[in-house]
PDB file of N, CA and C in Angstrom:
ATOM      1  N   MET A   1    -130.261 -78.372-119.767  1.00  0.00           N
ATOM      2  CA  MET A   1    -129.848 -77.347-119.179  1.00  0.00           C
ATOM      3  C   MET A   1    -130.955 -76.167-119.324  1.00  0.00           C
ATOM      4  N   LYS A   2    -131.225 -75.469-117.999  1.00  0.00           N
ATOM      5  CA  LYS A   2    -132.267 -74.790-118.077  1.00  0.00           C
ATOM      6  C   LYS A   2    -131.863 -73.015-118.317  1.00  0.00           C
ATOM      7  N   TYR A   3    -132.203 -72.430-119.245  1.00  0.00           N
ATOM      8  CA  TYR A   3    -131.729 -70.953-119.596  1.00  0.00           C
ATOM      9  C   TYR A   3    -132.679 -70.170-118.621  1.00  0.00           C
ATOM     10  N   PRO A   4    -131.568 -68.919-118.559  1.00  0.00           N
ATOM     11  CA  PRO A   4    -132.625 -67.966-117.907  1.00  0.00           C
ATOM     12  C   PRO A   4    -133.467 -67.163-118.680  1.00  0.00           C
ATOM     13  N   THR A   5    -134.708 -66.819-118.064  1.00  0.00           N
ATOM     14  CA  THR A   5    -135.667 -66.340-118.627  1.00  0.00           C
ATOM     15  C   THR A   5    -135.751 -64.682-118.860  1.00  0.00           C
ATOM     16  N   LYS A   6    -136.435 -63.749-119.572  1.00  0.00           N
ATOM     17  CA  LYS A   6    -136.263 -62.484-119.425  1.00  0.00           C
ATOM     18  C   LYS A   6    -136.517 -61.755-118.308  1.00  0.00           C
ATOM     19  N   THR A   7    -137.291 -62.276-117.414  1.00  0.00           N
ATOM     20  CA  THR A   7    -137.623 -61.803-116.050  1.00  0.00           C
ATOM     21  C   THR A   7    -136.420 -62.125-115.032  1.00  0.00           C
ATOM     22  N   ASP A   8    -135.695 -63.212-115.148  1.00  0.00           N
ATOM     23  CA  ASP A   8    -134.392 -63.316-114.547  1.00  0.00           C
ATOM     24  C   ASP A   8    -133.194 -62.429-115.090  1.00  0.00           C
ATOM     25  N   LEU A   9    -133.244 -62.158-116.025  1.00  0.00           N
ATOM     26  CA  LEU A   9    -132.150 -61.217-116.752  1.00  0.00           C
ATOM     27  C   LEU A   9    -132.402 -59.936-116.632  1.00  0.00           C
ATOM     28  N   LEU A  10    -133.803 -59.485-116.178  1.00  0.00           N
ATOM     29  CA  LEU A  10    -134.255 -58.059-115.711  1.00  0.00           C
ATOM     30  C   LEU A  10    -133.806 -58.035-114.066  1.00  0.00           C
ATOM     31  N   VAL A  11    -134.231 -58.987-113.285  1.00  0.00           N
ATOM     32  CA  VAL A  11    -134.011 -59.001-112.139  1.00  0.00           C
ATOM     33  C   VAL A  11    -132.297 -58.795-111.851  1.00  0.00           C
ATOM     34  N   ILE A  12    -131.512 -59.341-112.697  1.00  0.00           N
ATOM     35  CA  ILE A  12    -130.150 -59.437-112.624  1.00  0.00           C
ATOM     36  C   ILE A  12    -129.507 -57.843-112.806  1.00  0.00           C
ATOM     37  N   VAL A  13    -130.042 -57.503-113.840  1.00  0.00           N
ATOM     38  CA  VAL A  13    -129.550 -56.138-114.295  1.00  0.00           C
ATOM     39  C   VAL A  13    -130.055 -55.115-113.099  1.00  0.00           C
ATOM     40  N   ILE A  14    -131.295 -55.108-112.713  1.00  0.00           N
ATOM     41  CA  ILE A  14    -131.784 -54.074-111.696  1.00  0.00           C
ATOM     42  C   ILE A  14    -130.827 -54.198-110.532  1.00  0.00           C
ATOM     43  N   LEU A  15    -130.324 -55.422-110.100  1.00  0.00           N
ATOM     44  CA  LEU A  15    -129.581 -55.768-108.762  1.00  0.00           C
ATOM     45  C   LEU A  15    -128.150 -55.005-108.900  1.00  0.00           C
ATOM     46  N   ILE A  16    -127.801 -55.262-110.165  1.00  0.00           N
ATOM     47  CA  ILE A  16    -126.424 -54.724-110.518  1.00  0.00           C
ATOM     48  C   ILE A  16    -126.374 -53.191-110.438  1.00  0.00           C
ATOM     49  N   ALA A  17    -127.616 -52.636-111.171  1.00  0.00           N
ATOM     50  CA  ALA A  17    -127.719 -51.337-111.178  1.00  0.00           C
ATOM     51  C   ALA A  17    -127.920 -50.789-109.739  1.00  0.00           C
ATOM     52  N   VAL A  18    -128.724 -51.307-108.751  1.00  0.00           N
ATOM     53  CA  VAL A  18    -128.939 -50.764-107.446  1.00  0.00           C
ATOM     54  C   VAL A  18    -127.379 -50.891-106.496  1.00  0.00           C
ATOM     55  N   SER A  19    -126.828 -52.007-107.104  1.00  0.00           N
ATOM     56  CA  SER A  19    -125.383 -52.217-106.242  1.00  0.00           C
ATOM     57  C   SER A  19    -124.370 -51.224-106.660  1.00  0.00           C
ATOM     58  N   LEU A  20    -124.255 -50.796-107.834  1.00  0.00           N
ATOM     59  CA  LEU A  20    -123.272 -49.800-108.374  1.00  0.00           C
ATOM     60  C   LEU A  20    -123.728 -48.118-107.967  1.00  0.00           C
ATOM     61  N   TYR A  21    -125.243 -47.977-107.910  1.00  0.00           N
ATOM     62  CA  TYR A  21    -125.384 -46.521-107.360  1.00  0.00           C
ATOM     63  C   TYR A  21    -124.534 -45.686-106.631  1.00  0.00           C
ATOM     64  N   PRO A  22    -124.368 -46.600-105.215  1.00  0.00           N
ATOM     65  CA  PRO A  22    -123.578 -45.858-104.354  1.00  0.00           C
ATOM     66  C   PRO A  22    -122.020 -45.525-104.886  1.00  0.00           C
ATOM     67  N   ILE A  23    -121.643 -46.283-105.546  1.00  0.00           N
ATOM     68  CA  ILE A  23    -120.082 -46.073-106.108  1.00  0.00           C
ATOM     69  C   ILE A  23    -120.257 -44.759-107.064  1.00  0.00           C
ATOM     70  N   LEU A  24    -121.106 -44.943-107.963  1.00  0.00           N
ATOM     71  CA  LEU A  24    -121.237 -44.092-109.092  1.00  0.00           C
ATOM     72  C   LEU A  24    -121.842 -42.578-108.473  1.00  0.00           C
ATOM     73  N   ALA A  25    -122.659 -42.456-107.376  1.00  0.00           N
ATOM     74  CA  ALA A  25    -123.022 -41.322-107.135  1.00  0.00           C
ATOM     75  C   ALA A  25    -122.409 -40.803-105.899  1.00  0.00           C
ATOM     76  N   GLN A  26    -121.154 -41.216-105.427  1.00  0.00           N
ATOM     77  CA  GLN A  26    -120.351 -41.033-104.220  1.00  0.00           C
ATOM     78  C   GLN A  26    -119.767 -39.279-104.290  1.00  0.00           C
ATOM     79  N   ASN A  27    -119.436 -38.918-105.577  1.00  0.00           N
ATOM     80  CA  ASN A  27    -118.700 -37.631-105.629  1.00  0.00           C
ATOM     81  C   ASN A  27    -119.936 -36.574-106.372  1.00  0.00           C
ATOM     82  N   ASP A  28    -121.154 -37.007-106.269  1.00  0.00           N
ATOM     83  CA  ASP A  28    -122.222 -35.990-106.844  1.00  0.00           C
ATOM     84  C   ASP A  28    -122.508 -35.042-105.678  1.00  0.00           C
ATOM     85  N   SER A  29    -122.823 -35.293-104.615  1.00  0.00           N
ATOM     86  CA  SER A  29    -123.178 -34.512-103.528  1.00  0.00           C
ATOM     87  C   SER A  29    -121.880 -33.985-102.674  1.00  0.00           C
ATOM     88  N   ALA A  30    -120.799 -34.340-103.187  1.00  0.00           N
ATOM     89  CA  ALA A  30    -119.431 -34.005-102.167  1.00  0.00           C
ATOM     90  C   ALA A  30    -119.392 -32.628-101.783  1.00  0.00           C
ATOM     91  N   GLY A  31    -119.523 -31.788-102.748  1.00  0.00           N
ATOM     92  CA  GLY A  31    -119.397 -30.312-102.355  1.00  0.00           C
ATOM     93  C   GLY A  31    -117.904 -29.946-102.921  1.00  0.00           C
ATOM     94  N   LYS A  32    -117.413 -28.913-102.294  1.00  0.00           N
ATOM     95  CA  LYS A  32    -115.918 -28.604-102.766  1.00  0.00           C
ATOM     96  C   LYS A  32    -114.888 -29.355-101.883  1.00  0.00           C
ATOM     97  N   LYS A  33    -113.921 -29.813-102.501  1.00  0.00           N
ATOM     98  CA  LYS A  33    -112.573 -30.449-102.100  1.00  0.00           C
ATOM     99  C   LYS A  33    -111.688 -29.724-101.296  1.00  0.00           C
ATOM    100  N   LYS A  34    -111.136 -30.123-100.422  1.00  0.00           N
ATOM    101  CA  LYS A  34    -110.180 -29.501 -99.633  1.00  0.00           C
ATOM    102  C   LYS A  34    -108.900 -30.135 -99.423  1.00  0.00           C
ATOM    103  N   LEU A  35    -107.695 -30.167 -99.570  1.00  0.00           N
ATOM    104  CA  LEU A  35    -106.480 -30.812 -99.388  1.00  0.00           C
ATOM    105  C   LEU A  35    -105.636 -30.577 -98.167  1.00  0.00           C
ATOM    106  N   PHE A  36    -105.726 -31.660 -97.076  1.00  0.00           N
ATOM    107  CA  PHE A  36    -105.134 -31.418 -95.820  1.00  0.00           C
ATOM    108  C   PHE A  36    -103.832 -32.168 -95.810  1.00  0.00           C
ATOM    109  N   LEU A  37    -102.529 -31.738 -95.296  1.00  0.00           N
ATOM    110  CA  LEU A  37    -101.475 -32.541 -94.821  1.00  0.00           C
ATOM    111  C   LEU A  37    -101.475 -32.303 -93.470  1.00  0.00           C
ATOM    112  N   LEU A  38    -101.176 -33.912 -92.684  1.00  0.00           N
ATOM    113  CA  LEU A  38    -101.238 -34.197 -91.293  1.00  0.00           C
ATOM    114  C   LEU A  38     -99.978 -34.437 -90.961  1.00  0.00           C
ATOM    115  N   ILE A  39     -98.913 -33.678 -90.002  1.00  0.00           N
ATOM    116  CA  ILE A  39     -97.907 -34.008 -89.725  1.00  0.00           C
ATOM    117  C   ILE A  39     -97.945 -33.798 -88.174  1.00  0.00           C
ATOM    118  N   GLY A  40     -97.914 -35.190 -87.749  1.00  0.00           N
ATOM    119  CA  GLY A  40     -97.844 -35.333 -86.126  1.00  0.00           C
ATOM    120  C   GLY A  40     -99.192 -35.060 -85.599  1.00  0.00           C
ATOM    121  N   GLN A  41     -99.182 -33.973 -84.655  1.00  0.00           N
ATOM    122  CA  GLN A  41    -100.571 -33.481 -84.322  1.00  0.00           C
ATOM    123  C   GLN A  41    -100.983 -32.205 -85.137  1.00  0.00           C
ATOM    124  N   LYS A  42    -100.406 -31.739 -86.124  1.00  0.00           N
ATOM    125  CA  LYS A  42    -100.771 -30.592 -86.548  1.00  0.00           C
ATOM    126  C   LYS A  42    -101.192 -30.977 -88.045  1.00  0.00           C
ATOM    127  N   GLN A  43    -102.199 -29.908 -88.504  1.00  0.00           N
ATOM    128  CA  GLN A  43    -103.007 -30.163 -90.055  1.00  0.00           C
ATOM    129  C   GLN A  43    -102.776 -29.023 -90.694  1.00  0.00           C
ATOM    130  N   TYR A  44    -102.318 -29.025 -91.862  1.00  0.00           N
ATOM    131  CA  TYR A  44    -102.086 -27.840 -92.590  1.00  0.00           C
ATOM    132  C   TYR A  44    -102.850 -28.000 -93.955  1.00  0.00           C
ATOM    133  N   GLU A  45    -103.584 -26.921 -94.634  1.00  0.00           N
ATOM    134  CA  GLU A  45    -104.374 -27.143 -95.783  1.00  0.00           C
ATOM    135  C   GLU A  45    -103.602 -26.485 -96.801  1.00  0.00           C
ATOM    136  N   ILE A  46    -103.331 -27.348 -97.942  1.00  0.00           N
ATOM    137  CA  ILE A  46    -102.646 -27.108 -98.967  1.00  0.00           C
ATOM    138  C   ILE A  46    -103.624 -26.799-100.365  1.00  0.00           C
ATOM    139  N   PRO A  47    -103.289 -25.757-101.088  1.00  0.00           N
ATOM    140  CA  PRO A  47    -104.085 -25.712-102.264  1.00  0.00           C
ATOM    141  C   PRO A  47    -103.954 -26.761-103.285  1.00  0.00           C
ATOM    142  N   PHE A  48    -105.202 -27.099-104.293  1.00  0.00           N
ATOM    143  CA  PHE A  48    -104.755 -27.930-105.125  1.00  0.00           C
ATOM    144  C   PHE A  48    -104.178 -27.232-106.460  1.00  0.00           C
ATOM    145  N   LYS A  49    -102.725 -27.161-106.244  1.00  0.00           N
ATOM    146  CA  LYS A  49    -101.858 -26.514-107.361  1.00  0.00           C
ATOM    147  C   LYS A  49    -100.884 -27.596-107.937  1.00  0.00           C
ATOM    148  N   ASP A  50    -101.069 -27.687-109.205  1.00  0.00           N
ATOM    149  CA  ASP A  50    -100.250 -28.817-110.014  1.00  0.00           C
ATOM    150  C   ASP A  50     -98.782 -28.594-109.701  1.00  0.00           C
ATOM    151  N   GLY A  51     -98.252 -29.772-109.091  1.00  0.00           N
ATOM    152  CA  GLY A  51     -96.949 -29.523-109.104  1.00  0.00           C
ATOM    153  C   GLY A  51     -96.430 -30.810-108.028  1.00  0.00           C
ATOM    154  N   THR A  52     -95.171 -30.567-107.596  1.00  0.00           N
ATOM    155  CA  THR A  52     -94.565 -31.255-106.552  1.00  0.00           C
ATOM    156  C   THR A  52     -93.985 -30.269-105.112  1.00  0.00           C
ATOM    157  N   ILE A  53     -94.580 -31.012-103.968  1.00  0.00           N
ATOM    158  CA  ILE A  53     -94.136 -30.139-103.055  1.00  0.00           C
ATOM    159  C   ILE A  53     -93.058 -30.925-102.013  1.00  0.00           C
ATOM    160  N   ASP A  54     -91.803 -30.445-101.696  1.00  0.00           N
ATOM    161  CA  ASP A  54     -90.652 -30.943-101.110  1.00  0.00           C
ATOM    162  C   ASP A  54     -91.059 -30.689 -99.631  1.00  0.00           C
ATOM    163  N   LEU A  55     -91.468 -32.018 -98.710  1.00  0.00           N
ATOM    164  CA  LEU A  55     -91.812 -31.609 -97.491  1.00  0.00           C
ATOM    165  C   LEU A  55     -90.868 -31.256 -96.242  1.00  0.00           C
ATOM    166  N   ASN A  56     -89.577 -31.616 -96.957  1.00  0.00           N
ATOM    167  CA  ASN A  56     -88.362 -31.522 -95.987  1.00  0.00           C
ATOM    168  C   ASN A  56     -88.088 -30.193 -95.828  1.00  0.00           C
ATOM    169  N   ASN A  57     -88.486 -29.269 -96.994  1.00  0.00           N
ATOM    170  CA  ASN A  57     -88.042 -27.864 -96.905  1.00  0.00           C
ATOM    171  C   ASN A  57     -88.776 -27.053 -95.874  1.00  0.00           C
ATOM    172  N   LYS A  58     -90.139 -27.200 -95.857  1.00  0.00           N
ATOM    173  CA  LYS A  58     -91.232 -26.690 -95.063  1.00  0.00           C
ATOM    174  C   LYS A  58     -91.562 -27.512 -93.794  1.00  0.00           C
ATOM    175  N   TYR A  59     -91.743 -28.546 -93.878  1.00  0.00           N
ATOM    176  CA  TYR A  59     -92.225 -29.316 -92.938  1.00  0.00           C
ATOM    177  C   TYR A  59     -91.187 -30.151 -91.967  1.00  0.00           C
ATOM    178  N   ASP A  60     -90.024 -30.266 -92.489  1.00  0.00           N
ATOM    179  CA  ASP A  60     -88.961 -30.997 -91.864  1.00  0.00           C
ATOM    180  C   ASP A  60     -89.572 -32.536 -91.899  1.00  0.00           C
ATOM    181  N   VAL A  61     -89.942 -33.159 -93.090  1.00  0.00           N
ATOM    182  CA  VAL A  61     -90.320 -34.596 -93.176  1.00  0.00           C
ATOM    183  C   VAL A  61     -89.859 -34.837 -94.498  1.00  0.00           C
ATOM    184  N   ASN A  62     -88.878 -35.687 -94.527  1.00  0.00           N
ATOM    185  CA  ASN A  62     -88.381 -36.166 -95.984  1.00  0.00           C
ATOM    186  C   ASN A  62     -89.084 -36.973 -96.894  1.00  0.00           C
ATOM    187  N   MET A  63     -89.912 -36.211 -97.421  1.00  0.00           N
ATOM    188  CA  MET A  63     -91.024 -36.745 -98.452  1.00  0.00           C
ATOM    189  C   MET A  63     -91.189 -35.720 -99.609  1.00  0.00           C
ATOM    190  N   ILE A  64     -91.942 -36.303-100.422  1.00  0.00           N
ATOM    191  CA  ILE A  64     -92.449 -35.403-101.611  1.00  0.00           C
ATOM    192  C   ILE A  64     -93.570 -35.729-101.910  1.00  0.00           C
ATOM    193  N   LEU A  65     -94.470 -34.664-102.164  1.00  0.00           N
ATOM    194  CA  LEU A  65     -95.863 -35.006-102.479  1.00  0.00           C
ATOM    195  C   LEU A  65     -96.171 -34.070-103.644  1.00  0.00           C
ATOM    196  N   GLN A  66     -96.808 -34.948-104.493  1.00  0.00           N
ATOM    197  CA  GLN A  66     -97.324 -34.671-105.984  1.00  0.00           C
ATOM    198  C   GLN A  66     -99.053 -34.240-105.690  1.00  0.00           C
ATOM    199  N   ILE A  67     -99.335 -33.096-106.425  1.00  0.00           N
ATOM    200  CA  ILE A  67    -100.696 -32.738-106.843  1.00  0.00           C
ATOM    201  C   ILE A  67    -100.965 -32.510-108.450  1.00  0.00           C
ATOM    202  N   GLU A  68    -101.983 -33.031-108.563  1.00  0.00           N
ATOM    203  CA  GLU A  68    -102.390 -33.080-110.134  1.00  0.00           C
ATOM    204  C   GLU A  68    -104.006 -32.502-110.103  1.00  0.00           C
ATOM    205  N   GLY A  69    -104.336 -31.656-110.619  1.00  0.00           N
ATOM    206  CA  GLY A  69    -105.753 -31.724-110.714  1.00  0.00           C
ATOM    207  C   GLY A  69    -106.315 -31.415-109.122  1.00  0.00           C
ATOM    208  N   GLU A  70    -107.400 -32.204-108.655  1.00  0.00           N
ATOM    209  CA  GLU A  70    -107.949 -32.332-107.440  1.00  0.00           C
ATOM    210  C   GLU A  70    -107.553 -33.673-106.751  1.00  0.00           C
ATOM    211  N   LYS A  71    -106.428 -34.226-106.787  1.00  0.00           N
ATOM    212  CA  LYS A  71    -105.899 -35.617-106.356  1.00  0.00           C
ATOM    213  C   LYS A  71    -104.243 -35.181-105.850  1.00  0.00           C
ATOM    214  N   ALA A  72    -103.877 -36.193-105.233  1.00  0.00           N
ATOM    215  CA  ALA A  72    -102.592 -35.946-104.721  1.00  0.00           C
ATOM    216  C   ALA A  72    -101.873 -37.448-104.198  1.00  0.00           C
ATOM    217  N   ARG A  73    -100.678 -37.295-104.173  1.00  0.00           N
ATOM    218  CA  ARG A  73    -100.016 -38.786-103.778  1.00  0.00           C
ATOM    219  C   ARG A  73     -98.463 -38.647-103.514  1.00  0.00           C
ATOM    220  N   PHE A  74     -98.275 -39.527-102.603  1.00  0.00           N
ATOM    221  CA  PHE A  74     -96.453 -39.344-102.323  1.00  0.00           C
ATOM    222  C   PHE A  74     -96.016 -39.912-103.213  1.00  0.00           C
ATOM    223  N   ILE A  75     -94.656 -39.342-103.856  1.00  0.00           N
ATOM    224  CA  ILE A  75     -94.033 -39.909-104.722  1.00  0.00           C
ATOM    225  C   ILE A  75     -92.801 -40.240-104.208  1.00  0.00           C
ATOM    226  N   GLU A  76     -92.090 -39.884-103.130  1.00  0.00           N
ATOM    227  CA  GLU A  76     -90.915 -39.883-102.556  1.00  0.00           C
ATOM    228  C   GLU A  76     -90.785 -40.166-100.959  1.00  0.00           C
ATOM    229  N   SER A  77     -90.156 -41.027-100.526  1.00  0.00           N
ATOM    230  CA  SER A  77     -90.183 -41.252 -98.863  1.00  0.00           C
ATOM    231  C   SER A  77     -89.003 -42.080 -98.266  1.00  0.00           C
ATOM    232  N   ASP A  78     -88.885 -41.550 -97.141  1.00  0.00           N
ATOM    233  CA  ASP A  78     -87.602 -42.621 -96.650  1.00  0.00           C
ATOM    234  C   ASP A  78     -87.987 -43.582 -95.790  1.00  0.00           C
ATOM    235  N   CYS A  79     -89.354 -43.701 -95.782  1.00  0.00           N
ATOM    236  CA  CYS A  79     -89.769 -44.923 -94.761  1.00  0.00           C
ATOM    237  C   CYS A  79     -89.405 -46.468 -95.523  1.00  0.00           C
ATOM    238  N   PRO A  80     -89.282 -47.222 -94.530  1.00  0.00           N
ATOM    239  CA  PRO A  80     -88.720 -48.566 -95.311  1.00  0.00           C
ATOM    240  C   PRO A  80     -89.919 -49.166 -96.116  1.00  0.00           C
ATOM    241  N   ASN A  81     -90.983 -49.585 -95.711  1.00  0.00           N
ATOM    242  CA  ASN A  81     -91.856 -50.326 -96.741  1.00  0.00           C
ATOM    243  C   ASN A  81     -92.548 -49.418 -97.799  1.00  0.00           C
ATOM    244  N   LYS A  82     -92.572 -48.081 -97.772  1.00  0.00           N
ATOM    245  CA  LYS A  82     -92.783 -47.262 -98.839  1.00  0.00           C
ATOM    246  C   LYS A  82     -94.446 -47.540 -99.300  1.00  0.00           C
ATOM    247  N   LEU A  83     -95.318 -47.807 -98.119  1.00  0.00           N
ATOM    248  CA  LEU A  83     -96.627 -48.336 -98.403  1.00  0.00           C
ATOM    249  C   LEU A  83     -97.286 -47.079 -98.743  1.00  0.00           C
ATOM    250  N   CYS A  84     -97.139 -45.779 -98.135  1.00  0.00           N
ATOM    251  CA  CYS A  84     -97.526 -44.318 -98.576  1.00  0.00           C
ATOM    252  C   CYS A  84     -97.512 -44.169-100.112  1.00  0.00           C
ATOM    253  N   ILE A  85     -96.532 -44.478-100.694  1.00  0.00           N
ATOM    254  CA  ILE A  85     -96.061 -44.504-102.019  1.00  0.00           C
ATOM    255  C   ILE A  85     -96.967 -45.583-102.833  1.00  0.00           C
ATOM    256  N   LYS A  86     -96.958 -46.490-102.398  1.00  0.00           N
ATOM    257  CA  LYS A  86     -97.870 -47.913-103.123  1.00  0.00           C
ATOM    258  C   LYS A  86     -99.196 -47.449-102.919  1.00  0.00           C
ATOM    259  N   TYR A  87     -99.708 -46.701-102.260  1.00  0.00           N
ATOM    260  CA  TYR A  87    -101.306 -46.521-101.834  1.00  0.00           C
ATOM    261  C   TYR A  87    -101.775 -45.733-103.363  1.00  0.00           C
ATOM    262  N   GLY A  88    -100.989 -44.800-103.947  1.00  0.00           N
ATOM    263  CA  GLY A  88    -101.044 -44.113-105.046  1.00  0.00           C
ATOM    264  C   GLY A  88    -101.992 -42.931-104.884  1.00  0.00           C
ATOM    265  N   TRP A  89    -102.880 -42.341-105.660  1.00  0.00           N
ATOM    266  CA  TRP A  89    -103.585 -41.236-105.640  1.00  0.00           C
ATOM    267  C   TRP A  89    -104.627 -41.164-104.673  1.00  0.00           C
ATOM    268  N   VAL A  90    -104.903 -39.970-104.042  1.00  0.00           N
ATOM    269  CA  VAL A  90    -106.147 -39.760-103.078  1.00  0.00           C
ATOM    270  C   VAL A  90    -106.921 -38.658-103.813  1.00  0.00           C
ATOM    271  N   ASN A  91    -108.142 -39.237-104.336  1.00  0.00           N
ATOM    272  CA  ASN A  91    -108.887 -38.217-104.853  1.00  0.00           C
ATOM    273  C   ASN A  91    -110.251 -38.172-104.452  1.00  0.00           C
ATOM    274  N   ASN A  92    -110.865 -39.020-103.396  1.00  0.00           N
ATOM    275  CA  ASN A  92    -112.135 -38.846-103.130  1.00  0.00           C
ATOM    276  C   ASN A  92    -112.379 -38.295-101.979  1.00  0.00           C
ATOM    277  N   CYS A  93    -113.643 -38.069-101.343  1.00  0.00           N
ATOM    278  CA  CYS A  93    -113.711 -37.431 -99.955  1.00  0.00           C
ATOM    279  C   CYS A  93    -113.377 -38.489 -99.074  1.00  0.00           C
ATOM    280  N   GLY A  94    -112.904 -37.942 -98.041  1.00  0.00           N
ATOM    281  CA  GLY A  94    -112.364 -38.659 -96.596  1.00  0.00           C
ATOM    282  C   GLY A  94    -111.464 -39.795 -97.187  1.00  0.00           C
ATOM    283  N   GLU A  95    -110.669 -39.896 -98.195  1.00  0.00           N
ATOM    284  CA  GLU A  95    -109.568 -40.816 -98.610  1.00  0.00           C
ATOM    285  C   GLU A  95    -108.545 -40.142 -97.889  1.00  0.00           C
ATOM    286  N   MET A  96    -107.458 -40.954 -97.644  1.00  0.00           N
ATOM    287  CA  MET A  96    -106.347 -40.806 -96.911  1.00  0.00           C
ATOM    288  C   MET A  96    -105.067 -41.642 -97.389  1.00  0.00           C
ATOM    289  N   ALA A  97    -103.764 -41.159 -97.452  1.00  0.00           N
ATOM    290  CA  ALA A  97    -102.660 -41.938 -97.773  1.00  0.00           C
ATOM    291  C   ALA A  97    -101.851 -41.469 -96.401  1.00  0.00           C
ATOM    292  N   VAL A  98    -101.394 -42.637 -95.655  1.00  0.00           N
ATOM    293  CA  VAL A  98    -100.774 -42.656 -94.380  1.00  0.00           C
ATOM    294  C   VAL A  98     -99.137 -43.228 -94.446  1.00  0.00           C
ATOM    295  N   CYS A  99     -98.441 -42.161 -94.132  1.00  0.00           N
ATOM    296  CA  CYS A  99     -96.948 -42.814 -93.736  1.00  0.00           C
ATOM    297  C   CYS A  99     -96.707 -42.832 -92.146  1.00  0.00           C
ATOM    298  N   VAL A 100     -96.984 -43.978 -91.421  1.00  0.00           N
ATOM    299  CA  VAL A 100     -96.916 -44.202 -90.414  1.00  0.00           C
ATOM    300  C   VAL A 100     -95.470 -43.677 -89.552  1.00  0.00           C
ATOM    301  N   PRO A 101     -94.322 -44.241 -90.242  1.00  0.00           N
ATOM    302  CA  PRO A 101     -92.939 -44.032 -89.784  1.00  0.00           C
ATOM    303  C   PRO A 101     -92.697 -42.596 -89.587  1.00  0.00           C
ATOM    304  N   ASN A 102     -93.119 -41.895 -90.795  1.00  0.00           N
ATOM    305  CA  ASN A 102     -92.982 -40.449 -90.654  1.00  0.00           C
ATOM    306  C   ASN A 102     -94.134 -39.554 -89.968  1.00  0.00           C
ATOM    307  N   LYS A 103     -95.165 -40.315 -89.628  1.00  0.00           N
ATOM    308  CA  LYS A 103     -96.412 -39.448 -88.930  1.00  0.00           C
ATOM    309  C   LYS A 103     -97.016 -38.531 -89.767  1.00  0.00           C
ATOM    310  N   THR A 104     -96.941 -38.885 -91.121  1.00  0.00           N
ATOM    311  CA  THR A 104     -97.352 -38.061 -92.095  1.00  0.00           C
ATOM    312  C   THR A 104     -98.821 -38.555 -92.724  1.00  0.00           C
ATOM    313  N   ALA A 105     -99.646 -37.901 -93.170  1.00  0.00           N
ATOM    314  CA  ALA A 105    -100.745 -38.290 -93.901  1.00  0.00           C
ATOM    315  C   ALA A 105    -101.179 -37.244 -94.947  1.00  0.00           C
ATOM    316  N   VAL A 106    -101.744 -37.409 -96.039  1.00  0.00           N
ATOM    317  CA  VAL A 106    -102.526 -36.455 -96.900  1.00  0.00           C
ATOM    318  C   VAL A 106    -103.835 -37.230 -97.046  1.00  0.00           C
ATOM    319  N   GLN A 107    -104.755 -35.894 -96.798  1.00  0.00           N
ATOM    320  CA  GLN A 107    -106.166 -36.238 -96.793  1.00  0.00           C
ATOM    321  C   GLN A 107    -106.910 -35.362 -97.559  1.00  0.00           C
ATOM    322  N   ILE A 108    -108.026 -35.700 -98.155  1.00  0.00           N
ATOM    323  CA  ILE A 108    -109.085 -34.946 -98.860  1.00  0.00           C
ATOM    324  C   ILE A 108    -110.458 -34.883 -98.084  1.00  0.00           C
ATOM    325  N   LYS A 109    -110.863 -33.692 -97.700  1.00  0.00           N
ATOM    326  CA  LYS A 109    -111.893 -33.432 -96.967  1.00  0.00           C
ATOM    327  C   LYS A 109    -112.863 -32.663 -97.891  1.00  0.00           C
ATOM    328  N   CYS A 110    -114.362 -32.809 -97.814  1.00  0.00           N
ATOM    329  CA  CYS A 110    -115.146 -32.266 -98.618  1.00  0.00           C
ATOM    330  C   CYS A 110    -116.130 -31.337 -97.936  1.00  0.00           C
ATOM    331  N   GLU A 111    -116.359 -30.168 -98.565  1.00  0.00           N
ATOM    332  CA  GLU A 111    -117.509 -29.546 -97.641  1.00  0.00           C
ATOM    333  C   GLU A 111    -118.606 -29.491 -98.527  1.00  0.00           C
ATOM    334  N   LYS A 112    -119.781 -29.944 -97.736  1.00  0.00           N
ATOM    335  CA  LYS A 112    -120.990 -29.921 -98.538  1.00  0.00           C
ATOM    336  C   LYS A 112    -121.635 -28.557 -98.686  1.00  0.00           C
ATOM    337  N   ASP A 113    -122.437 -28.500 -99.947  1.00  0.00           N
ATOM    338  CA  ASP A 113    -122.995 -27.059 -99.926  1.00  0.00           C
ATOM    339  C   ASP A 113    -124.188 -26.915 -99.025  1.00  0.00           C
ATOM    340  N   GLY A 114    -124.148 -25.643 -98.445  1.00  0.00           N
ATOM    341  CA  GLY A 114    -125.403 -25.364 -97.412  1.00  0.00           C
ATOM    342  C   GLY A 114    -124.924 -25.954 -95.862  1.00  0.00           C
ATOM    343  N   ASN A 115    -125.866 -25.918 -95.090  1.00  0.00           N
ATOM    344  CA  ASN A 115    -125.754 -26.272 -93.726  1.00  0.00           C
ATOM    345  C   ASN A 115    -126.940 -27.261 -93.437  1.00  0.00           C
ATOM    346  N   ILE A 116    -127.665 -27.738 -94.456  1.00  0.00           N
ATOM    347  CA  ILE A 116    -128.502 -28.661 -94.163  1.00  0.00           C
ATOM    348  C   ILE A 116    -127.995 -30.149 -94.626  1.00  0.00           C
ATOM    349  N   ASP A 117    -128.027 -31.199 -93.581  1.00  0.00           N
ATOM    350  CA  ASP A 117    -127.573 -32.528 -93.928  1.00  0.00           C
ATOM    351  C   ASP A 117    -128.779 -33.389 -94.183  1.00  0.00           C
ATOM    352  N   ALA A 118    -129.904 -33.055 -93.496  1.00  0.00           N
ATOM    353  CA  ALA A 118    -131.264 -33.971 -93.786  1.00  0.00           C
ATOM    354  C   ALA A 118    -132.264 -33.242 -93.389  1.00  0.00           C
ATOM    355  N   ILE A 119    -133.385 -33.658 -93.980  1.00  0.00           N
ATOM    356  CA  ILE A 119    -134.668 -32.934 -93.754  1.00  0.00           C
ATOM    357  C   ILE A 119    -135.602 -34.153 -92.957  1.00  0.00           C
ATOM    358  N   SER A 120    -136.106 -33.736 -91.703  1.00  0.00           N
ATOM    359  CA  SER A 120    -137.209 -34.615 -91.182  1.00  0.00           C
ATOM    360  C   SER A 120    -138.661 -34.165 -91.145  1.00  0.00           C
ATOM    361  N   ARG A 121    -139.632 -34.640 -91.122  1.00  0.00           N
ATOM    362  CA  ARG A 121    -140.686 -34.324 -91.221  1.00  0.00           C
ATOM    363  C   ARG A 121    -141.603 -35.013 -89.908  1.00  0.00           C
TER     364      ARG A 121
END
């Protein structure tokens, strides 16, 4: 049986580090997070304030949204499959939990600092 050499191990470690870099660096340049509630064709910005929001009172949707820190999740819904609840926490930029029967979604969007996306020479 042939054992891996030091060079083989070094190549493996470098490949693992390169493959994990996009995951680890995902939120570094994200900027300021904003939480949005989408109901039908309407979009509402919700502040990141710890607690629960009964969507039935204000938005006429029979669901409860929980916010904790800079993340949110549905904790109660009247939809049959409860997939929106099973999705869990939404905390990364662009991430979204959707309840199709209620036509409701919660999404996190991020603003990048500054107006420059890229520089070309």
